[in-house]
Amino acid sequence: MRWAPAVAVCVGVALAGCGGSSGDVLGMQISGGPGNVREQMHVTEDGRTSCNTGALHQLPSKAVLDARSIEREATPLIKDGEQFPPALPGRRTFELKTPDGTLVWGEGQPGLPSLLTQAELLALQLEDFCTKK
C-alpha cells in the first residue's frame, strides 16, 4: 500500500503536463516614446512569444533563458514593493509582469537596477522579433 500515494502523485504530475496551454513566464509592455507605441508581449513556459494577443511564435533559447532569469530576479523587487521613476516626456514606459506582480519604470532613468535594463533589452528584442513575423 505504500506505493499507492507515490503512484497517485506520478499520475497527477503526468496528467498535469498533458493538454491545456502553458503558463506565462512573464509579460512585457512598451508604451509611449517618439512613435507613441503600445506593444504587449508575453513569453510562455514552452518558449514561445505572442505580441498584442497575436499568434504564438517560437523564441530562440537565449531569449527564453533571459526571460526566466529576469522573472526570477524581479521577484524580490516586486515583493519589496519597489517603485521606479516614470518616463520623461518623449521616452518609453516599460512594464514587467510576473506571477508575483508588476514593475513599471521609465526608459533611461538614472539609477535603475541592472535587471530593469536587461528587461528593457528583452522587451525591445521581443518587439523586434514580433515585427519580423
N, C-alpha and C. Protein backbone atom coordinates (compact mmCIF):
# COMPACT_ATOMS: atom_id res chain seq x y z
N MET A 1 0.81 -1.21 0.00
CA MET A 1 0.00 0.00 0.00
C MET A 1 0.85 1.27 0.00
N ARG A 2 2.15 1.15 0.32
CA ARG A 2 2.98 2.34 0.34
C ARG A 2 3.15 2.90 -1.06
N TRP A 3 2.95 2.10 -2.07
CA TRP A 3 3.14 2.56 -3.45
C TRP A 3 1.97 3.41 -3.94
N ALA A 4 0.81 3.24 -3.37
CA ALA A 4 -0.38 3.93 -3.86
C ALA A 4 -0.22 5.45 -3.87
N PRO A 5 0.25 6.08 -2.76
CA PRO A 5 0.41 7.55 -2.82
C PRO A 5 1.44 7.99 -3.86
N ALA A 6 2.53 7.26 -3.99
CA ALA A 6 3.56 7.62 -4.96
C ALA A 6 3.02 7.50 -6.38
N VAL A 7 2.28 6.45 -6.65
CA VAL A 7 1.69 6.27 -7.98
C VAL A 7 0.68 7.39 -8.26
N ALA A 8 -0.11 7.74 -7.26
CA ALA A 8 -1.11 8.81 -7.45
C ALA A 8 -0.42 10.13 -7.78
N VAL A 9 0.68 10.44 -7.09
CA VAL A 9 1.41 11.67 -7.38
C VAL A 9 1.97 11.65 -8.80
N CYS A 10 2.57 10.53 -9.20
CA CYS A 10 3.14 10.42 -10.55
C CYS A 10 2.07 10.57 -11.62
N VAL A 11 0.92 9.96 -11.42
CA VAL A 11 -0.18 10.07 -12.38
C VAL A 11 -0.65 11.52 -12.44
N GLY A 12 -0.78 12.17 -11.29
CA GLY A 12 -1.21 13.57 -11.25
C GLY A 12 -0.26 14.47 -12.00
N VAL A 13 1.04 14.26 -11.80
CA VAL A 13 2.04 15.07 -12.50
C VAL A 13 1.97 14.83 -13.99
N ALA A 14 1.83 13.58 -14.40
CA ALA A 14 1.76 13.26 -15.83
C ALA A 14 0.53 13.89 -16.46
N LEU A 15 -0.60 13.84 -15.78
CA LEU A 15 -1.82 14.42 -16.34
C LEU A 15 -1.74 15.95 -16.39
N ALA A 16 -1.08 16.54 -15.41
CA ALA A 16 -0.96 18.00 -15.39
C ALA A 16 -0.16 18.49 -16.59
N GLY A 17 0.76 17.69 -17.09
CA GLY A 17 1.57 18.09 -18.23
C GLY A 17 0.88 17.89 -19.56
N CYS A 18 -0.27 17.29 -19.58
CA CYS A 18 -0.97 16.99 -20.83
C CYS A 18 -2.07 18.01 -21.08
N GLY A 19 -2.19 18.42 -22.31
CA GLY A 19 -3.29 19.29 -22.72
C GLY A 19 -3.19 20.67 -22.11
N GLY A 20 -4.13 21.50 -22.43
CA GLY A 20 -4.15 22.85 -21.90
C GLY A 20 -3.03 23.69 -22.49
N SER A 21 -2.97 24.94 -22.06
CA SER A 21 -1.93 25.82 -22.55
C SER A 21 -0.90 26.02 -21.45
N SER A 22 0.31 26.31 -21.88
CA SER A 22 1.35 26.53 -20.89
C SER A 22 1.20 27.94 -20.33
N GLY A 23 1.67 28.13 -19.11
CA GLY A 23 1.58 29.42 -18.46
C GLY A 23 2.62 30.39 -18.97
N ASP A 24 2.48 31.62 -18.54
CA ASP A 24 3.42 32.65 -18.93
C ASP A 24 4.59 32.71 -17.96
N VAL A 25 5.77 32.93 -18.50
CA VAL A 25 6.94 33.21 -17.68
C VAL A 25 6.85 34.67 -17.24
N LEU A 26 6.59 35.54 -18.22
CA LEU A 26 6.44 36.96 -17.92
C LEU A 26 5.73 37.66 -19.07
N GLY A 27 5.28 38.85 -18.77
CA GLY A 27 4.68 39.72 -19.78
C GLY A 27 5.44 41.03 -19.79
N MET A 28 5.52 41.64 -20.94
CA MET A 28 6.20 42.93 -21.09
C MET A 28 5.29 43.86 -21.87
N GLN A 29 5.36 45.14 -21.52
CA GLN A 29 4.64 46.15 -22.28
C GLN A 29 5.55 47.35 -22.49
N ILE A 30 5.51 47.88 -23.71
CA ILE A 30 6.23 49.11 -24.04
C ILE A 30 5.17 50.10 -24.49
N SER A 31 5.22 51.31 -23.93
CA SER A 31 4.26 52.33 -24.36
C SER A 31 4.94 53.69 -24.42
N GLY A 32 4.38 54.56 -25.24
CA GLY A 32 4.89 55.92 -25.36
C GLY A 32 6.05 56.02 -26.32
N GLY A 33 6.94 56.94 -26.06
CA GLY A 33 8.10 57.16 -26.92
C GLY A 33 7.76 58.02 -28.11
N PRO A 34 8.75 58.20 -29.00
CA PRO A 34 8.55 59.06 -30.17
C PRO A 34 7.38 58.63 -31.05
N GLY A 35 7.17 57.33 -31.20
CA GLY A 35 6.08 56.85 -32.05
C GLY A 35 4.79 56.60 -31.29
N ASN A 36 4.78 56.93 -29.99
CA ASN A 36 3.62 56.70 -29.13
C ASN A 36 3.08 55.28 -29.31
N VAL A 37 3.98 54.31 -29.20
CA VAL A 37 3.62 52.90 -29.41
C VAL A 37 2.96 52.30 -28.18
N ARG A 38 2.35 51.16 -28.37
CA ARG A 38 1.84 50.35 -27.28
C ARG A 38 1.93 48.90 -27.75
N GLU A 39 2.94 48.22 -27.27
CA GLU A 39 3.18 46.82 -27.63
C GLU A 39 3.10 45.98 -26.37
N GLN A 40 2.36 44.88 -26.44
CA GLN A 40 2.28 43.93 -25.33
C GLN A 40 2.79 42.59 -25.81
N MET A 41 3.75 42.04 -25.07
CA MET A 41 4.32 40.75 -25.42
C MET A 41 4.31 39.87 -24.17
N HIS A 42 4.30 38.57 -24.39
CA HIS A 42 4.49 37.65 -23.27
C HIS A 42 5.32 36.46 -23.73
N VAL A 43 5.99 35.84 -22.77
CA VAL A 43 6.80 34.66 -23.02
C VAL A 43 6.17 33.51 -22.25
N THR A 44 5.91 32.41 -22.95
CA THR A 44 5.28 31.26 -22.31
C THR A 44 6.32 30.28 -21.79
N GLU A 45 5.89 29.42 -20.89
CA GLU A 45 6.78 28.39 -20.31
C GLU A 45 7.40 27.51 -21.39
N ASP A 46 6.68 27.30 -22.49
CA ASP A 46 7.20 26.42 -23.53
C ASP A 46 8.05 27.15 -24.57
N GLY A 47 8.44 28.41 -24.26
CA GLY A 47 9.40 29.11 -25.10
C GLY A 47 8.84 29.82 -26.31
N ARG A 48 7.61 30.26 -26.22
CA ARG A 48 7.02 30.99 -27.34
C ARG A 48 6.65 32.40 -26.89
N THR A 49 6.42 33.27 -27.86
CA THR A 49 6.02 34.64 -27.56
C THR A 49 4.83 35.02 -28.43
N SER A 50 4.07 35.95 -27.93
CA SER A 50 2.95 36.50 -28.66
C SER A 50 2.97 38.00 -28.48
N CYS A 51 2.59 38.71 -29.52
CA CYS A 51 2.56 40.17 -29.46
C CYS A 51 1.14 40.66 -29.68
N ASN A 52 0.70 41.53 -28.78
CA ASN A 52 -0.63 42.14 -28.90
C ASN A 52 -1.71 41.09 -29.17
N THR A 53 -1.67 40.01 -28.43
CA THR A 53 -2.62 38.88 -28.49
C THR A 53 -2.62 38.17 -29.85
N GLY A 54 -1.55 38.30 -30.60
CA GLY A 54 -1.44 37.62 -31.89
C GLY A 54 -1.02 36.16 -31.72
N ALA A 55 -0.65 35.56 -32.82
CA ALA A 55 -0.25 34.15 -32.83
C ALA A 55 1.06 33.97 -32.06
N LEU A 56 1.23 32.76 -31.53
CA LEU A 56 2.45 32.42 -30.81
C LEU A 56 3.55 32.04 -31.79
N HIS A 57 4.78 32.47 -31.49
CA HIS A 57 5.95 32.16 -32.30
C HIS A 57 7.05 31.65 -31.39
N GLN A 58 7.82 30.67 -31.87
CA GLN A 58 8.92 30.11 -31.10
C GLN A 58 10.04 31.13 -30.93
N LEU A 59 10.56 31.22 -29.72
CA LEU A 59 11.67 32.13 -29.42
C LEU A 59 13.00 31.38 -29.46
N PRO A 60 14.09 32.08 -29.72
CA PRO A 60 15.41 31.46 -29.57
C PRO A 60 15.63 31.09 -28.09
N SER A 61 16.40 30.05 -27.86
CA SER A 61 16.64 29.56 -26.50
C SER A 61 17.18 30.66 -25.58
N LYS A 62 18.08 31.50 -26.09
CA LYS A 62 18.67 32.54 -25.26
C LYS A 62 17.61 33.50 -24.75
N ALA A 63 16.65 33.87 -25.57
CA ALA A 63 15.58 34.78 -25.14
C ALA A 63 14.74 34.15 -24.05
N VAL A 64 14.48 32.86 -24.16
CA VAL A 64 13.69 32.15 -23.14
C VAL A 64 14.46 32.12 -21.82
N LEU A 65 15.75 31.81 -21.89
CA LEU A 65 16.59 31.79 -20.69
C LEU A 65 16.65 33.17 -20.05
N ASP A 66 16.79 34.21 -20.88
CA ASP A 66 16.81 35.58 -20.36
C ASP A 66 15.49 35.91 -19.67
N ALA A 67 14.37 35.53 -20.27
CA ALA A 67 13.06 35.81 -19.68
C ALA A 67 12.92 35.12 -18.32
N ARG A 68 13.33 33.88 -18.24
CA ARG A 68 13.24 33.15 -16.96
C ARG A 68 14.13 33.78 -15.90
N SER A 69 15.31 34.20 -16.30
CA SER A 69 16.23 34.84 -15.36
C SER A 69 15.66 36.17 -14.86
N ILE A 70 15.11 36.97 -15.77
CA ILE A 70 14.52 38.25 -15.41
C ILE A 70 13.34 38.04 -14.47
N GLU A 71 12.50 37.08 -14.77
CA GLU A 71 11.34 36.79 -13.91
C GLU A 71 11.80 36.43 -12.51
N ARG A 72 12.80 35.58 -12.42
CA ARG A 72 13.31 35.12 -11.12
C ARG A 72 13.93 36.29 -10.33
N GLU A 73 14.74 37.11 -11.01
CA GLU A 73 15.41 38.22 -10.34
C GLU A 73 14.47 39.37 -10.00
N ALA A 74 13.33 39.47 -10.68
CA ALA A 74 12.37 40.54 -10.40
C ALA A 74 11.56 40.27 -9.14
N THR A 75 11.46 39.01 -8.75
CA THR A 75 10.61 38.64 -7.61
C THR A 75 10.92 39.44 -6.35
N PRO A 76 12.20 39.55 -5.93
CA PRO A 76 12.45 40.34 -4.71
C PRO A 76 12.05 41.81 -4.84
N LEU A 77 12.28 42.42 -6.01
CA LEU A 77 11.90 43.82 -6.21
C LEU A 77 10.39 43.99 -6.10
N ILE A 78 9.66 43.05 -6.68
CA ILE A 78 8.19 43.12 -6.65
C ILE A 78 7.70 42.92 -5.22
N LYS A 79 8.22 41.91 -4.55
CA LYS A 79 7.77 41.62 -3.19
C LYS A 79 8.12 42.73 -2.21
N ASP A 80 9.22 43.46 -2.48
CA ASP A 80 9.60 44.59 -1.62
C ASP A 80 8.83 45.85 -1.97
N GLY A 81 8.00 45.80 -3.00
CA GLY A 81 7.19 46.96 -3.39
C GLY A 81 8.01 48.09 -4.00
N GLU A 82 9.12 47.75 -4.65
CA GLU A 82 9.98 48.77 -5.25
C GLU A 82 9.21 49.60 -6.29
N GLN A 83 9.51 50.88 -6.31
CA GLN A 83 8.91 51.78 -7.30
C GLN A 83 10.03 52.55 -7.97
N PHE A 84 9.83 52.86 -9.25
CA PHE A 84 10.87 53.50 -10.04
C PHE A 84 10.31 54.72 -10.75
N PRO A 85 11.19 55.68 -11.12
CA PRO A 85 10.73 56.91 -11.75
C PRO A 85 9.99 56.64 -13.07
N PRO A 86 8.95 57.45 -13.33
CA PRO A 86 8.22 57.30 -14.60
C PRO A 86 9.05 57.84 -15.76
N ALA A 87 8.56 57.59 -16.95
CA ALA A 87 9.25 58.05 -18.15
C ALA A 87 9.16 59.57 -18.28
N LEU A 88 10.24 60.15 -18.77
CA LEU A 88 10.23 61.57 -19.09
C LEU A 88 9.46 61.76 -20.40
N PRO A 89 8.99 62.98 -20.68
CA PRO A 89 8.27 63.22 -21.94
C PRO A 89 9.09 62.76 -23.15
N GLY A 90 8.44 62.06 -24.06
CA GLY A 90 9.09 61.58 -25.27
C GLY A 90 9.82 60.26 -25.11
N ARG A 91 9.87 59.72 -23.90
CA ARG A 91 10.53 58.43 -23.65
C ARG A 91 9.49 57.35 -23.42
N ARG A 92 9.94 56.10 -23.53
CA ARG A 92 9.04 54.96 -23.37
C ARG A 92 8.89 54.55 -21.90
N THR A 93 7.74 53.97 -21.62
CA THR A 93 7.47 53.35 -20.33
C THR A 93 7.51 51.85 -20.53
N PHE A 94 8.18 51.16 -19.62
CA PHE A 94 8.27 49.71 -19.65
C PHE A 94 7.51 49.13 -18.47
N GLU A 95 6.86 48.01 -18.72
CA GLU A 95 6.12 47.32 -17.67
C GLU A 95 6.48 45.85 -17.73
N LEU A 96 6.86 45.29 -16.60
CA LEU A 96 7.22 43.88 -16.48
C LEU A 96 6.21 43.22 -15.56
N LYS A 97 5.52 42.20 -16.06
CA LYS A 97 4.52 41.49 -15.27
C LYS A 97 4.99 40.06 -15.06
N THR A 98 4.95 39.62 -13.80
CA THR A 98 5.28 38.24 -13.46
C THR A 98 4.14 37.70 -12.60
N PRO A 99 4.16 36.41 -12.29
CA PRO A 99 3.12 35.89 -11.40
C PRO A 99 3.13 36.58 -10.02
N ASP A 100 4.25 37.20 -9.65
CA ASP A 100 4.34 37.86 -8.34
C ASP A 100 3.85 39.30 -8.34
N GLY A 101 3.73 39.93 -9.50
CA GLY A 101 3.30 41.31 -9.56
C GLY A 101 3.89 42.05 -10.75
N THR A 102 3.93 43.38 -10.65
CA THR A 102 4.31 44.22 -11.78
C THR A 102 5.33 45.27 -11.36
N LEU A 103 6.27 45.55 -12.26
CA LEU A 103 7.21 46.66 -12.11
C LEU A 103 7.02 47.59 -13.30
N VAL A 104 7.04 48.90 -13.05
CA VAL A 104 6.90 49.91 -14.11
C VAL A 104 8.02 50.92 -13.93
N TRP A 105 8.65 51.31 -15.05
CA TRP A 105 9.73 52.29 -14.98
C TRP A 105 9.85 53.03 -16.30
N GLY A 106 10.52 54.17 -16.24
CA GLY A 106 10.75 54.99 -17.41
C GLY A 106 12.08 54.67 -18.07
N GLU A 107 12.08 54.70 -19.36
CA GLU A 107 13.29 54.44 -20.15
C GLU A 107 14.41 55.41 -19.79
N GLY A 108 15.61 54.84 -19.57
CA GLY A 108 16.79 55.65 -19.39
C GLY A 108 16.87 56.42 -18.08
N GLN A 109 16.05 56.09 -17.11
CA GLN A 109 16.14 56.78 -15.83
C GLN A 109 17.43 56.39 -15.13
N PRO A 110 18.12 57.34 -14.52
CA PRO A 110 19.37 57.01 -13.82
C PRO A 110 19.10 56.18 -12.57
N GLY A 111 20.07 55.32 -12.24
CA GLY A 111 19.99 54.56 -11.01
C GLY A 111 19.10 53.33 -11.03
N LEU A 112 18.62 52.92 -12.21
CA LEU A 112 17.79 51.73 -12.28
C LEU A 112 18.64 50.49 -12.02
N PRO A 113 18.08 49.49 -11.37
CA PRO A 113 18.82 48.23 -11.22
C PRO A 113 19.14 47.63 -12.59
N SER A 114 20.26 46.94 -12.69
CA SER A 114 20.65 46.36 -13.97
C SER A 114 19.60 45.39 -14.49
N LEU A 115 18.84 44.78 -13.60
CA LEU A 115 17.76 43.88 -14.01
C LEU A 115 16.78 44.60 -14.95
N LEU A 116 16.46 45.85 -14.63
CA LEU A 116 15.49 46.57 -15.45
C LEU A 116 16.05 46.93 -16.81
N THR A 117 17.34 47.22 -16.89
CA THR A 117 17.92 47.46 -18.21
C THR A 117 17.96 46.17 -19.03
N GLN A 118 18.16 45.03 -18.36
CA GLN A 118 18.09 43.73 -19.05
C GLN A 118 16.67 43.48 -19.53
N ALA A 119 15.69 43.84 -18.71
CA ALA A 119 14.28 43.66 -19.10
C ALA A 119 13.93 44.57 -20.27
N GLU A 120 14.47 45.81 -20.28
CA GLU A 120 14.24 46.70 -21.42
C GLU A 120 14.77 46.08 -22.70
N LEU A 121 15.99 45.54 -22.63
CA LEU A 121 16.60 44.91 -23.79
C LEU A 121 15.75 43.73 -24.28
N LEU A 122 15.30 42.90 -23.35
CA LEU A 122 14.45 41.77 -23.74
C LEU A 122 13.16 42.27 -24.39
N ALA A 123 12.53 43.28 -23.81
CA ALA A 123 11.29 43.82 -24.39
C ALA A 123 11.52 44.32 -25.81
N LEU A 124 12.63 45.01 -26.04
CA LEU A 124 12.93 45.52 -27.38
C LEU A 124 13.22 44.37 -28.34
N GLN A 125 13.89 43.32 -27.86
CA GLN A 125 14.14 42.15 -28.70
C GLN A 125 12.83 41.45 -29.05
N LEU A 126 11.95 41.32 -28.07
CA LEU A 126 10.65 40.70 -28.34
C LEU A 126 9.85 41.54 -29.32
N GLU A 127 9.87 42.84 -29.13
CA GLU A 127 9.16 43.74 -30.04
C GLU A 127 9.71 43.60 -31.46
N ASP A 128 11.04 43.56 -31.59
CA ASP A 128 11.68 43.40 -32.89
C ASP A 128 11.34 42.04 -33.49
N PHE A 129 11.39 41.00 -32.67
CA PHE A 129 11.07 39.66 -33.13
C PHE A 129 9.62 39.62 -33.64
N CYS A 130 8.74 40.25 -32.93
CA CYS A 130 7.33 40.23 -33.31
C CYS A 130 7.05 40.97 -34.61
N THR A 131 7.76 42.06 -34.85
CA THR A 131 7.51 42.83 -36.07
C THR A 131 8.05 42.12 -37.31
N LYS A 132 8.97 41.15 -37.09
CA LYS A 132 9.54 40.41 -38.23
C LYS A 132 8.70 39.20 -38.62
N LYS A 133 7.76 38.81 -37.79
CA LYS A 133 6.97 37.61 -38.06
C LYS A 133 5.76 37.91 -38.88
